[in-house]
Amino acid sequence: MTKEELTKLRELFLKYLTVDSESMDMRRKDFNQAIFLPYSDDYFSGKQVFNGTDLEMVMEKFDKAVSELEKMK
């Protein structure tokens, strides 16, 4: 994997961790619900959104980022 691909993977992963999708319909393929607040939040930057965020939730976002990166190739 190239350095550019790793940088893109990091960007995608962070996006899935911190940005809600436009659609709030869980049936849609592009649905995403953020599990952490973005760094741009003035008060709770980077804090978890839900009490009980677990490693499986984080890895799900990583898998989505890897999948999107693969589609870009």
PDB file of N, CA and C in Angstrom:
ATOM      1  N   MET A   1       0.851  -1.165   0.000  1.00  0.00           N
ATOM      2  CA  MET A   1       0.000   0.000   0.000  1.00  0.00           C
ATOM      3  C   MET A   1       0.903   1.236   0.000  1.00  0.00           C
ATOM      4  N   THR A   2       0.566   2.188  -0.854  1.00  0.00           N
ATOM      5  CA  THR A   2       1.376   3.400  -0.952  1.00  0.00           C
ATOM      6  C   THR A   2       1.056   4.370   0.184  1.00  0.00           C
ATOM      7  N   LYS A   3       1.924   5.335   0.339  1.00  0.00           N
ATOM      8  CA  LYS A   3       1.717   6.343   1.372  1.00  0.00           C
ATOM      9  C   LYS A   3       0.437   7.134   1.109  1.00  0.00           C
ATOM     10  N   GLU A   4       0.147   7.408  -0.155  1.00  0.00           N
ATOM     11  CA  GLU A   4      -1.070   8.134  -0.509  1.00  0.00           C
ATOM     12  C   GLU A   4      -2.317   7.325  -0.153  1.00  0.00           C
ATOM     13  N   GLU A   5      -2.260   6.023  -0.392  1.00  0.00           N
ATOM     14  CA  GLU A   5      -3.386   5.159  -0.053  1.00  0.00           C
ATOM     15  C   GLU A   5      -3.589   5.091   1.460  1.00  0.00           C
ATOM     16  N   LEU A   6      -2.506   5.027   2.203  1.00  0.00           N
ATOM     17  CA  LEU A   6      -2.608   5.012   3.664  1.00  0.00           C
ATOM     18  C   LEU A   6      -3.194   6.320   4.195  1.00  0.00           C
ATOM     19  N   THR A   7      -2.794   7.427   3.597  1.00  0.00           N
ATOM     20  CA  THR A   7      -3.329   8.733   3.988  1.00  0.00           C
ATOM     21  C   THR A   7      -4.824   8.797   3.698  1.00  0.00           C
ATOM     22  N   LYS A   8      -5.217   8.303   2.522  1.00  0.00           N
ATOM     23  CA  LYS A   8      -6.634   8.288   2.154  1.00  0.00           C
ATOM     24  C   LYS A   8      -7.427   7.377   3.093  1.00  0.00           C
ATOM     25  N   LEU A   9      -6.877   6.224   3.436  1.00  0.00           N
ATOM     26  CA  LEU A   9      -7.535   5.306   4.361  1.00  0.00           C
ATOM     27  C   LEU A   9      -7.763   5.982   5.710  1.00  0.00           C
ATOM     28  N   ARG A  10      -6.768   6.683   6.179  1.00  0.00           N
ATOM     29  CA  ARG A  10      -6.888   7.406   7.460  1.00  0.00           C
ATOM     30  C   ARG A  10      -8.001   8.457   7.379  1.00  0.00           C
ATOM     31  N   GLU A  11      -8.059   9.197   6.279  1.00  0.00           N
ATOM     32  CA  GLU A  11      -9.097  10.217   6.091  1.00  0.00           C
ATOM     33  C   GLU A  11     -10.492   9.590   6.084  1.00  0.00           C
ATOM     34  N   LEU A  12     -10.636   8.492   5.350  1.00  0.00           N
ATOM     35  CA  LEU A  12     -11.925   7.815   5.266  1.00  0.00           C
ATOM     36  C   LEU A  12     -12.341   7.256   6.630  1.00  0.00           C
ATOM     37  N   PHE A  13     -11.403   6.646   7.328  1.00  0.00           N
ATOM     38  CA  PHE A  13     -11.675   6.074   8.648  1.00  0.00           C
ATOM     39  C   PHE A  13     -12.142   7.163   9.608  1.00  0.00           C
ATOM     40  N   LEU A  14     -11.451   8.265   9.639  1.00  0.00           N
ATOM     41  CA  LEU A  14     -11.819   9.382  10.507  1.00  0.00           C
ATOM     42  C   LEU A  14     -13.188   9.936  10.127  1.00  0.00           C
ATOM     43  N   LYS A  15     -13.463   9.986   8.817  1.00  0.00           N
ATOM     44  CA  LYS A  15     -14.773  10.450   8.356  1.00  0.00           C
ATOM     45  C   LYS A  15     -15.882   9.541   8.891  1.00  0.00           C
ATOM     46  N   TYR A  16     -15.710   8.235   8.763  1.00  0.00           N
ATOM     47  CA  TYR A  16     -16.736   7.311   9.230  1.00  0.00           C
ATOM     48  C   TYR A  16     -16.879   7.331  10.751  1.00  0.00           C
ATOM     49  N   LEU A  17     -15.822   7.628  11.455  1.00  0.00           N
ATOM     50  CA  LEU A  17     -15.894   7.714  12.914  1.00  0.00           C
ATOM     51  C   LEU A  17     -16.621   8.963  13.393  1.00  0.00           C
ATOM     52  N   THR A  18     -16.534  10.062  12.620  1.00  0.00           N
ATOM     53  CA  THR A  18     -16.975  11.361  13.139  1.00  0.00           C
ATOM     54  C   THR A  18     -18.053  12.091  12.344  1.00  0.00           C
ATOM     55  N   VAL A  19     -18.464  11.568  11.191  1.00  0.00           N
ATOM     56  CA  VAL A  19     -19.415  12.303  10.347  1.00  0.00           C
ATOM     57  C   VAL A  19     -20.641  11.439  10.054  1.00  0.00           C
ATOM     58  N   ASP A  20     -21.817  11.971  10.355  1.00  0.00           N
ATOM     59  CA  ASP A  20     -23.059  11.292   9.991  1.00  0.00           C
ATOM     60  C   ASP A  20     -23.301  11.436   8.497  1.00  0.00           C
ATOM     61  N   SER A  21     -23.913  10.427   7.902  1.00  0.00           N
ATOM     62  CA  SER A  21     -24.293  10.531   6.495  1.00  0.00           C
ATOM     63  C   SER A  21     -25.492  11.470   6.373  1.00  0.00           C
ATOM     64  N   GLU A  22     -25.740  11.949   5.158  1.00  0.00           N
ATOM     65  CA  GLU A  22     -26.885  12.824   4.929  1.00  0.00           C
ATOM     66  C   GLU A  22     -28.181  12.079   5.212  1.00  0.00           C
ATOM     67  N   SER A  23     -28.235  10.833   4.809  1.00  0.00           N
ATOM     68  CA  SER A  23     -29.428  10.019   5.014  1.00  0.00           C
ATOM     69  C   SER A  23     -29.396   9.389   6.409  1.00  0.00           C
ATOM     70  N   MET A  24     -30.507   9.401   7.078  1.00  0.00           N
ATOM     71  CA  MET A  24     -30.611   8.753   8.381  1.00  0.00           C
ATOM     72  C   MET A  24     -31.389   7.440   8.270  1.00  0.00           C
ATOM     73  N   ASP A  25     -31.532   6.942   7.051  1.00  0.00           N
ATOM     74  CA  ASP A  25     -32.224   5.687   6.792  1.00  0.00           C
ATOM     75  C   ASP A  25     -31.197   4.557   6.829  1.00  0.00           C
ATOM     76  N   MET A  26     -31.260   3.718   7.856  1.00  0.00           N
ATOM     77  CA  MET A  26     -30.275   2.651   8.041  1.00  0.00           C
ATOM     78  C   MET A  26     -30.291   1.622   6.914  1.00  0.00           C
ATOM     79  N   ARG A  27     -31.344   1.600   6.115  1.00  0.00           N
ATOM     80  CA  ARG A  27     -31.431   0.638   5.019  1.00  0.00           C
ATOM     81  C   ARG A  27     -30.578   1.052   3.831  1.00  0.00           C
ATOM     82  N   ARG A  28     -30.186   2.309   3.779  1.00  0.00           N
ATOM     83  CA  ARG A  28     -29.390   2.802   2.649  1.00  0.00           C
ATOM     84  C   ARG A  28     -27.941   2.351   2.780  1.00  0.00           C
ATOM     85  N   LYS A  29     -27.342   2.055   1.641  1.00  0.00           N
ATOM     86  CA  LYS A  29     -25.961   1.577   1.612  1.00  0.00           C
ATOM     87  C   LYS A  29     -24.983   2.627   2.132  1.00  0.00           C
ATOM     88  N   ASP A  30     -25.273   3.902   1.895  1.00  0.00           N
ATOM     89  CA  ASP A  30     -24.355   4.972   2.299  1.00  0.00           C
ATOM     90  C   ASP A  30     -24.609   5.483   3.720  1.00  0.00           C
ATOM     91  N   PHE A  31     -25.481   4.825   4.475  1.00  0.00           N
ATOM     92  CA  PHE A  31     -25.785   5.262   5.844  1.00  0.00           C
ATOM     93  C   PHE A  31     -24.547   5.167   6.736  1.00  0.00           C
ATOM     94  N   ASN A  32     -24.345   6.195   7.534  1.00  0.00           N
ATOM     95  CA  ASN A  32     -23.277   6.175   8.532  1.00  0.00           C
ATOM     96  C   ASN A  32     -23.716   6.991   9.738  1.00  0.00           C
ATOM     97  N   GLN A  33     -23.511   6.447  10.908  1.00  0.00           N
ATOM     98  CA  GLN A  33     -23.789   7.152  12.151  1.00  0.00           C
ATOM     99  C   GLN A  33     -22.475   7.305  12.906  1.00  0.00           C
ATOM    100  N   ALA A  34     -22.080   8.552  13.126  1.00  0.00           N
ATOM    101  CA  ALA A  34     -20.821   8.834  13.812  1.00  0.00           C
ATOM    102  C   ALA A  34     -20.839   8.287  15.230  1.00  0.00           C
ATOM    103  N   ILE A  35     -19.695   7.784  15.678  1.00  0.00           N
ATOM    104  CA  ILE A  35     -19.601   7.281  17.044  1.00  0.00           C
ATOM    105  C   ILE A  35     -18.685   8.152  17.918  1.00  0.00           C
ATOM    106  N   PHE A  36     -18.013   9.101  17.294  1.00  0.00           N
ATOM    107  CA  PHE A  36     -17.202  10.076  18.026  1.00  0.00           C
ATOM    108  C   PHE A  36     -17.514  11.469  17.502  1.00  0.00           C
ATOM    109  N   LEU A  37     -17.366  12.485  18.360  1.00  0.00           N
ATOM    110  CA  LEU A  37     -17.546  13.867  17.938  1.00  0.00           C
ATOM    111  C   LEU A  37     -16.305  14.310  17.174  1.00  0.00           C
ATOM    112  N   PRO A  38     -16.471  15.173  16.176  1.00  0.00           N
ATOM    113  CA  PRO A  38     -15.313  15.619  15.400  1.00  0.00           C
ATOM    114  C   PRO A  38     -14.371  16.494  16.226  1.00  0.00           C
ATOM    115  N   TYR A  39     -13.132  16.584  15.786  1.00  0.00           N
ATOM    116  CA  TYR A  39     -12.149  17.425  16.479  1.00  0.00           C
ATOM    117  C   TYR A  39     -12.545  18.888  16.443  1.00  0.00           C
ATOM    118  N   SER A  40     -13.393  19.269  15.501  1.00  0.00           N
ATOM    119  CA  SER A  40     -13.804  20.663  15.386  1.00  0.00           C
ATOM    120  C   SER A  40     -14.844  21.065  16.443  1.00  0.00           C
ATOM    121  N   ASP A  41     -15.379  20.103  17.197  1.00  0.00           N
ATOM    122  CA  ASP A  41     -16.349  20.408  18.250  1.00  0.00           C
ATOM    123  C   ASP A  41     -15.656  21.221  19.338  1.00  0.00           C
ATOM    124  N   ASP A  42     -16.269  22.339  19.701  1.00  0.00           N
ATOM    125  CA  ASP A  42     -15.639  23.260  20.651  1.00  0.00           C
ATOM    126  C   ASP A  42     -15.543  22.722  22.078  1.00  0.00           C
ATOM    127  N   TYR A  43     -16.470  21.861  22.482  1.00  0.00           N
ATOM    128  CA  TYR A  43     -16.521  21.454  23.872  1.00  0.00           C
ATOM    129  C   TYR A  43     -16.099  20.011  24.136  1.00  0.00           C
ATOM    130  N   PHE A  44     -16.443  19.117  23.232  1.00  0.00           N
ATOM    131  CA  PHE A  44     -16.197  17.697  23.480  1.00  0.00           C
ATOM    132  C   PHE A  44     -15.435  17.048  22.337  1.00  0.00           C
ATOM    133  N   SER A  45     -14.479  17.710  21.816  1.00  0.00           N
ATOM    134  CA  SER A  45     -13.692  17.252  20.678  1.00  0.00           C
ATOM    135  C   SER A  45     -13.162  15.836  20.857  1.00  0.00           C
ATOM    136  N   GLY A  46     -13.533  14.941  19.948  1.00  0.00           N
ATOM    137  CA  GLY A  46     -13.012  13.583  19.947  1.00  0.00           C
ATOM    138  C   GLY A  46     -13.639  12.637  20.960  1.00  0.00           C
ATOM    139  N   LYS A  47     -14.630  13.083  21.710  1.00  0.00           N
ATOM    140  CA  LYS A  47     -15.270  12.231  22.719  1.00  0.00           C
ATOM    141  C   LYS A  47     -16.299  11.315  22.071  1.00  0.00           C
ATOM    142  N   GLN A  48     -16.589  10.204  22.724  1.00  0.00           N
ATOM    143  CA  GLN A  48     -17.573   9.264  22.190  1.00  0.00           C
ATOM    144  C   GLN A  48     -18.973   9.853  22.245  1.00  0.00           C
ATOM    145  N   VAL A  49     -19.792   9.493  21.267  1.00  0.00           N
ATOM    146  CA  VAL A  49     -21.168   9.957  21.208  1.00  0.00           C
ATOM    147  C   VAL A  49     -22.046   9.112  22.120  1.00  0.00           C
ATOM    148  N   PHE A  50     -21.807   7.816  22.144  1.00  0.00           N
ATOM    149  CA  PHE A  50     -22.630   6.883  22.902  1.00  0.00           C
ATOM    150  C   PHE A  50     -21.877   6.345  24.109  1.00  0.00           C
ATOM    151  N   ASN A  51     -22.585   6.159  25.197  1.00  0.00           N
ATOM    152  CA  ASN A  51     -22.021   5.472  26.344  1.00  0.00           C
ATOM    153  C   ASN A  51     -22.037   3.985  25.996  1.00  0.00           C
ATOM    154  N   GLY A  52     -20.895   3.381  25.897  1.00  0.00           N
ATOM    155  CA  GLY A  52     -20.849   1.967  25.521  1.00  0.00           C
ATOM    156  C   GLY A  52     -20.253   1.736  24.148  1.00  0.00           C
ATOM    157  N   THR A  53     -19.611   2.744  23.582  1.00  0.00           N
ATOM    158  CA  THR A  53     -18.919   2.547  22.315  1.00  0.00           C
ATOM    159  C   THR A  53     -17.865   1.464  22.528  1.00  0.00           C
ATOM    160  N   ASP A  54     -17.860   0.476  21.646  1.00  0.00           N
ATOM    161  CA  ASP A  54     -16.924  -0.626  21.826  1.00  0.00           C
ATOM    162  C   ASP A  54     -16.029  -0.824  20.601  1.00  0.00           C
ATOM    163  N   LEU A  55     -15.090  -1.707  20.739  1.00  0.00           N
ATOM    164  CA  LEU A  55     -14.119  -1.953  19.674  1.00  0.00           C
ATOM    165  C   LEU A  55     -14.791  -2.452  18.404  1.00  0.00           C
ATOM    166  N   GLU A  56     -15.839  -3.232  18.520  1.00  0.00           N
ATOM    167  CA  GLU A  56     -16.543  -3.737  17.336  1.00  0.00           C
ATOM    168  C   GLU A  56     -17.131  -2.590  16.512  1.00  0.00           C
ATOM    169  N   MET A  57     -17.635  -1.564  17.177  1.00  0.00           N
ATOM    170  CA  MET A  57     -18.176  -0.401  16.474  1.00  0.00           C
ATOM    171  C   MET A  57     -17.062   0.328  15.719  1.00  0.00           C
ATOM    172  N   VAL A  58     -15.906   0.438  16.335  1.00  0.00           N
ATOM    173  CA  VAL A  58     -14.762   1.105  15.704  1.00  0.00           C
ATOM    174  C   VAL A  58     -14.284   0.293  14.500  1.00  0.00           C
ATOM    175  N   MET A  59     -14.190  -1.009  14.651  1.00  0.00           N
ATOM    176  CA  MET A  59     -13.711  -1.854  13.559  1.00  0.00           C
ATOM    177  C   MET A  59     -14.695  -1.874  12.387  1.00  0.00           C
ATOM    178  N   GLU A  60     -15.974  -1.727  12.659  1.00  0.00           N
ATOM    179  CA  GLU A  60     -16.974  -1.634  11.592  1.00  0.00           C
ATOM    180  C   GLU A  60     -16.689  -0.414  10.721  1.00  0.00           C
ATOM    181  N   LYS A  61     -16.325   0.699  11.345  1.00  0.00           N
ATOM    182  CA  LYS A  61     -15.993   1.922  10.596  1.00  0.00           C
ATOM    183  C   LYS A  61     -14.708   1.726   9.791  1.00  0.00           C
ATOM    184  N   PHE A  62     -13.747   1.016  10.366  1.00  0.00           N
ATOM    185  CA  PHE A  62     -12.507   0.733   9.647  1.00  0.00           C
ATOM    186  C   PHE A  62     -12.791  -0.112   8.411  1.00  0.00           C
ATOM    187  N   ASP A  63     -13.620  -1.126   8.570  1.00  0.00           N
ATOM    188  CA  ASP A  63     -13.977  -1.991   7.441  1.00  0.00           C
ATOM    189  C   ASP A  63     -14.675  -1.206   6.342  1.00  0.00           C
ATOM    190  N   LYS A  64     -15.538  -0.259   6.720  1.00  0.00           N
ATOM    191  CA  LYS A  64     -16.208   0.581   5.721  1.00  0.00           C
ATOM    192  C   LYS A  64     -15.186   1.438   4.972  1.00  0.00           C
ATOM    193  N   ALA A  65     -14.206   1.963   5.684  1.00  0.00           N
ATOM    194  CA  ALA A  65     -13.171   2.793   5.059  1.00  0.00           C
ATOM    195  C   ALA A  65     -12.338   1.967   4.085  1.00  0.00           C
ATOM    196  N   VAL A  66     -11.956   0.757   4.478  1.00  0.00           N
ATOM    197  CA  VAL A  66     -11.179  -0.124   3.601  1.00  0.00           C
ATOM    198  C   VAL A  66     -11.995  -0.463   2.356  1.00  0.00           C
ATOM    199  N   SER A  67     -13.266  -0.756   2.543  1.00  0.00           N
ATOM    200  CA  SER A  67     -14.144  -1.087   1.414  1.00  0.00           C
ATOM    201  C   SER A  67     -14.251   0.077   0.449  1.00  0.00           C
ATOM    202  N   GLU A  68     -14.412   1.281   0.957  1.00  0.00           N
ATOM    203  CA  GLU A  68     -14.508   2.451   0.087  1.00  0.00           C
ATOM    204  C   GLU A  68     -13.198   2.700  -0.657  1.00  0.00           C
ATOM    205  N   LEU A  69     -12.083   2.502   0.029  1.00  0.00           N
ATOM    206  CA  LEU A  69     -10.782   2.672  -0.609  1.00  0.00           C
ATOM    207  C   LEU A  69     -10.615   1.674  -1.757  1.00  0.00           C
ATOM    208  N   GLU A  70     -11.042   0.437  -1.553  1.00  0.00           N
ATOM    209  CA  GLU A  70     -10.973  -0.588  -2.598  1.00  0.00           C
ATOM    210  C   GLU A  70     -11.801  -0.195  -3.811  1.00  0.00           C
ATOM    211  N   LYS A  71     -12.957   0.406  -3.589  1.00  0.00           N
ATOM    212  CA  LYS A  71     -13.824   0.831  -4.694  1.00  0.00           C
ATOM    213  C   LYS A  71     -13.175   1.926  -5.514  1.00  0.00           C
ATOM    214  N   MET A  72     -12.301   2.722  -4.889  1.00  0.00           N
ATOM    215  CA  MET A  72     -11.656   3.837  -5.579  1.00  0.00           C
ATOM    216  C   MET A  72     -10.539   3.386  -6.522  1.00  0.00           C
ATOM    217  N   LYS A  73     -10.059   2.162  -6.355  1.00  0.00           N
ATOM    218  CA  LYS A  73      -8.952   1.676  -7.180  1.00  0.00           C
ATOM    219  C   LYS A  73      -9.402   1.360  -8.575  1.00  0.00           C
TER     220      LYS A  73
END
